[in-house]
C-alpha atoms as a PDB file:
ATOM      1  CA  MET A   1       7.182  -9.241  33.969  1.00  0.00           C
ATOM      2  CA  GLU A   2       6.597  -5.720  32.718  1.00  0.00           C
ATOM      3  CA  GLU A   3       6.407  -5.141  28.962  1.00  0.00           C
ATOM      4  CA  GLU A   4       9.039  -2.823  27.500  1.00  0.00           C
ATOM      5  CA  SER A   5       7.851   0.609  26.419  1.00  0.00           C
ATOM      6  CA  LEU A   6       7.747   1.520  22.747  1.00  0.00           C
ATOM      7  CA  HIS A   7      10.820   3.743  22.997  1.00  0.00           C
ATOM      8  CA  GLU A   8      12.807   0.993  24.744  1.00  0.00           C
ATOM      9  CA  VAL A   9      11.913  -1.502  22.008  1.00  0.00           C
ATOM     10  CA  PHE A  10      12.773   1.062  19.341  1.00  0.00           C
ATOM     11  CA  TRP A  11      16.212   1.663  20.908  1.00  0.00           C
ATOM     12  CA  ALA A  12      16.809  -2.080  21.163  1.00  0.00           C
ATOM     13  CA  VAL A  13      16.188  -2.454  17.421  1.00  0.00           C
ATOM     14  CA  SER A  14      18.413   0.565  16.766  1.00  0.00           C
ATOM     15  CA  ARG A  15      21.241  -0.972  18.814  1.00  0.00           C
ATOM     16  CA  ARG A  16      20.829  -4.252  16.940  1.00  0.00           C
ATOM     17  CA  MET A  17      21.085  -2.460  13.597  1.00  0.00           C
ATOM     18  CA  ARG A  18      24.149  -0.467  14.706  1.00  0.00           C
ATOM     19  CA  GLU A  19      25.857  -3.655  15.865  1.00  0.00           C
ATOM     20  CA  GLN A  20      24.950  -5.397  12.613  1.00  0.00           C
ATOM     21  CA  THR A  21      26.371  -2.447  10.674  1.00  0.00           C
ATOM     22  CA  ARG A  22      29.638  -2.568  12.645  1.00  0.00           C
ATOM     23  CA  ARG A  23      29.982  -6.282  11.886  1.00  0.00           C
ATOM     24  CA  GLU A  24      29.219  -5.745   8.191  1.00  0.00           C
ATOM     25  CA  MET A  25      31.924  -3.088   7.898  1.00  0.00           C
ATOM     26  CA  GLU A  26      34.666  -5.106   9.621  1.00  0.00           C
ATOM     27  CA  PRO A  27      36.064  -6.556   6.361  1.00  0.00           C
ATOM     28  CA  TRP A  28      36.842  -3.012   5.191  1.00  0.00           C
ATOM     29  CA  GLY A  29      38.035  -1.727   8.567  1.00  0.00           C
ATOM     30  CA  ILE A  30      35.635   1.169   8.158  1.00  0.00           C
ATOM     31  CA  ALA A  31      34.042   2.955  11.115  1.00  0.00           C
ATOM     32  CA  PRO A  32      30.288   3.610  10.857  1.00  0.00           C
ATOM     33  CA  SER A  33      30.906   7.363  10.520  1.00  0.00           C
ATOM     34  CA  GLN A  34      33.265   6.722   7.599  1.00  0.00           C
ATOM     35  CA  GLY A  35      30.729   4.381   5.992  1.00  0.00           C
ATOM     36  CA  ARG A  36      28.045   7.047   6.285  1.00  0.00           C
ATOM     37  CA  ALA A  37      30.372   9.619   4.689  1.00  0.00           C
ATOM     38  CA  LEU A  38      31.091   7.278   1.782  1.00  0.00           C
ATOM     39  CA  SER A  39      27.351   6.732   1.355  1.00  0.00           C
ATOM     40  CA  VAL A  40      26.629  10.474   1.317  1.00  0.00           C
ATOM     41  CA  LEU A  41      29.370  11.054  -1.264  1.00  0.00           C
ATOM     42  CA  LEU A  42      28.101   8.141  -3.372  1.00  0.00           C
ATOM     43  CA  THR A  43      24.643   9.642  -3.599  1.00  0.00           C
ATOM     44  CA  GLY A  44      25.517  13.345  -3.463  1.00  0.00           C
ATOM     45  CA  GLY A  45      28.724  13.461  -5.469  1.00  0.00           C
ATOM     46  CA  PRO A  46      31.616  15.808  -4.675  1.00  0.00           C
ATOM     47  CA  MET A  47      30.750  18.389  -2.047  1.00  0.00           C
ATOM     48  CA  ARG A  48      32.263  20.905   0.292  1.00  0.00           C
ATOM     49  CA  LEU A  49      33.272  19.692   3.721  1.00  0.00           C
ATOM     50  CA  SER A  50      30.622  21.938   5.308  1.00  0.00           C
ATOM     51  CA  ALA A  51      27.901  20.334   3.172  1.00  0.00           C
ATOM     52  CA  LEU A  52      29.149  16.867   4.090  1.00  0.00           C
ATOM     53  CA  ALA A  53      29.108  17.779   7.803  1.00  0.00           C
ATOM     54  CA  GLU A  54      25.572  19.068   7.446  1.00  0.00           C
ATOM     55  CA  ARG A  55      24.387  15.921   5.632  1.00  0.00           C
ATOM     56  CA  LEU A  56      26.040  13.742   8.301  1.00  0.00           C
ATOM     57  CA  ARG A  57      24.642  15.972  11.073  1.00  0.00           C
ATOM     58  CA  ILE A  58      28.058  16.322  12.685  1.00  0.00           C
ATOM     59  CA  ALA A  59      30.322  19.245  13.541  1.00  0.00           C
ATOM     60  CA  PRO A  60      32.596  20.456  10.716  1.00  0.00           C
ATOM     61  CA  ARG A  61      35.670  19.511  12.801  1.00  0.00           C
ATOM     62  CA  SER A  62      34.378  15.936  13.101  1.00  0.00           C
ATOM     63  CA  ALA A  63      33.754  15.838   9.350  1.00  0.00           C
ATOM     64  CA  THR A  64      37.343  16.974   8.788  1.00  0.00           C
ATOM     65  CA  GLU A  65      38.587  14.042  10.883  1.00  0.00           C
ATOM     66  CA  VAL A  66      36.387  11.571   8.973  1.00  0.00           C
ATOM     67  CA  VAL A  67      37.600  12.926   5.623  1.00  0.00           C
ATOM     68  CA  ASP A  68      41.242  12.923   6.785  1.00  0.00           C
ATOM     69  CA  ASP A  69      40.915   9.226   7.684  1.00  0.00           C
ATOM     70  CA  LEU A  70      39.218   8.397   4.384  1.00  0.00           C
ATOM     71  CA  GLN A  71      41.863  10.349   2.462  1.00  0.00           C
ATOM     72  CA  ASP A  72      44.668   8.504   4.279  1.00  0.00           C
ATOM     73  CA  ARG A  73      43.074   5.258   3.081  1.00  0.00           C
ATOM     74  CA  GLY A  74      42.843   6.475  -0.518  1.00  0.00           C
ATOM     75  CA  LEU A  75      39.036   6.516  -0.514  1.00  0.00           C
ATOM     76  CA  VAL A  76      38.505  10.263  -1.017  1.00  0.00           C
ATOM     77  CA  GLU A  77      40.496  13.188  -2.314  1.00  0.00           C
ATOM     78  CA  ARG A  78      40.217  16.929  -1.975  1.00  0.00           C
ATOM     79  CA  HIS A  79      40.049  19.245  -5.000  1.00  0.00           C
ATOM     80  CA  PRO A  80      39.710  23.007  -5.343  1.00  0.00           C
ATOM     81  CA  ASP A  81      36.094  24.034  -5.895  1.00  0.00           C
ATOM     82  CA  PRO A  82      35.909  25.493  -9.416  1.00  0.00           C
ATOM     83  CA  ALA A  83      33.134  27.830  -8.251  1.00  0.00           C
ATOM     84  CA  ASP A  84      35.245  29.245  -5.393  1.00  0.00           C
ATOM     85  CA  ARG A  85      39.012  28.752  -5.351  1.00  0.00           C
ATOM     86  CA  ARG A  86      39.086  29.335  -1.584  1.00  0.00           C
ATOM     87  CA  ALA A  87      36.852  26.294  -1.000  1.00  0.00           C
ATOM     88  CA  THR A  88      37.644  22.601  -1.300  1.00  0.00           C
ATOM     89  CA  LEU A  89      35.498  19.760  -2.580  1.00  0.00           C
ATOM     90  CA  VAL A  90      35.662  16.226  -1.207  1.00  0.00           C
ATOM     91  CA  ALA A  91      35.249  13.523  -3.857  1.00  0.00           C
ATOM     92  CA  LEU A  92      35.402   9.751  -3.911  1.00  0.00           C
ATOM     93  CA  THR A  93      38.329   8.082  -5.606  1.00  0.00           C
ATOM     94  CA  ASP A  94      37.637   5.063  -7.812  1.00  0.00           C
ATOM     95  CA  HIS A  95      38.655   2.883  -4.861  1.00  0.00           C
ATOM     96  CA  GLY A  96      36.320   4.879  -2.598  1.00  0.00           C
ATOM     97  CA  ARG A  97      33.414   4.477  -5.020  1.00  0.00           C
ATOM     98  CA  ALA A  98      33.973   0.711  -5.238  1.00  0.00           C
ATOM     99  CA  THR A  99      34.341   0.416  -1.468  1.00  0.00           C
ATOM    100  CA  GLY A 100      31.252   2.557  -0.835  1.00  0.00           C
ATOM    101  CA  THR A 101      29.205   0.489  -3.265  1.00  0.00           C
ATOM    102  CA  SER A 102      30.339  -2.753  -1.622  1.00  0.00           C
ATOM    103  CA  ILE A 103      29.546  -1.419   1.846  1.00  0.00           C
ATOM    104  CA  LYS A 104      26.137  -0.201   0.703  1.00  0.00           C
ATOM    105  CA  SER A 105      25.325  -3.698  -0.578  1.00  0.00           C
ATOM    106  CA  ALA A 106      26.545  -5.305   2.645  1.00  0.00           C
ATOM    107  CA  ARG A 107      24.480  -2.904   4.764  1.00  0.00           C
ATOM    108  CA  ALA A 108      21.388  -3.581   2.661  1.00  0.00           C
ATOM    109  CA  ALA A 109      21.876  -7.319   3.173  1.00  0.00           C
ATOM    110  CA  ALA A 110      22.300  -6.771   6.917  1.00  0.00           C
ATOM    111  CA  GLY A 111      19.105  -4.728   7.011  1.00  0.00           C
ATOM    112  CA  GLU A 112      17.316  -7.490   5.150  1.00  0.00           C
ATOM    113  CA  ARG A 113      18.388  -9.943   7.831  1.00  0.00           C
ATOM    114  CA  VAL A 114      17.124  -7.667  10.609  1.00  0.00           C
ATOM    115  CA  PHE A 115      13.695  -7.320   8.983  1.00  0.00           C
ATOM    116  CA  ALA A 116      13.482 -10.835   7.521  1.00  0.00           C
ATOM    117  CA  SER A 117      11.017 -12.037  10.146  1.00  0.00           C
ATOM    118  CA  LEU A 118       8.425  -9.454   9.039  1.00  0.00           C
ATOM    119  CA  ASP A 119       5.902 -10.378   6.387  1.00  0.00           C
ATOM    120  CA  PRO A 120       5.444  -7.938   3.469  1.00  0.00           C
ATOM    121  CA  THR A 121       2.429  -6.241   5.067  1.00  0.00           C
ATOM    122  CA  ASP A 122       4.263  -5.639   8.353  1.00  0.00           C
ATOM    123  CA  ARG A 123       7.304  -4.349   6.465  1.00  0.00           C
ATOM    124  CA  ALA A 124       5.177  -1.900   4.491  1.00  0.00           C
ATOM    125  CA  THR A 125       3.438  -0.725   7.671  1.00  0.00           C
ATOM    126  CA  LEU A 126       6.714  -0.291   9.543  1.00  0.00           C
ATOM    127  CA  SER A 127       8.235   1.579   6.601  1.00  0.00           C
ATOM    128  CA  ARG A 128       5.233   3.934   6.438  1.00  0.00           C
ATOM    129  CA  ILE A 129       5.381   4.594  10.192  1.00  0.00           C
ATOM    130  CA  LEU A 130       9.136   5.210  10.249  1.00  0.00           C
ATOM    131  CA  ARG A 131       8.928   7.566   7.262  1.00  0.00           C
ATOM    132  CA  LYS A 132       6.206   9.464   9.050  1.00  0.00           C
ATOM    133  CA  LEU A 133       8.382   9.784  12.170  1.00  0.00           C
ATOM    134  CA  THR A 134      11.328  11.146  10.163  1.00  0.00           C
ATOM    135  CA  THR A 135       9.203  14.080   8.995  1.00  0.00           C
ATOM    136  CA  ALA A 136       7.417  14.729  12.306  1.00  0.00           C
END
């Protein structure tokens, strides 16, 4: 039997992590894109929709849909930008902050389970390699 190529193995791990993430977010009924938006707002604070789209690496129209869904659920709210009254900031509500924090903890636990079979040396090596690839 032929051994899988490095990129095939990498994608298999990526699919496993995406599936694990979907399962972890089921209790909140949150889509992965919404979870990522909550995470960005948790770390970055209130921001313009265009900045959120850029941080999520999605089209502004897609970011609008994500924010609309989160706003309908009471997780974010829009406020006028004090620096430019024509612009709007997206900010987490208290419920959104609590939900985002809970999801972040659940995702961290899921990641731990994915990498649990690696010893500390392998984990450190993998982390170094992946960080290097993100800046390549």
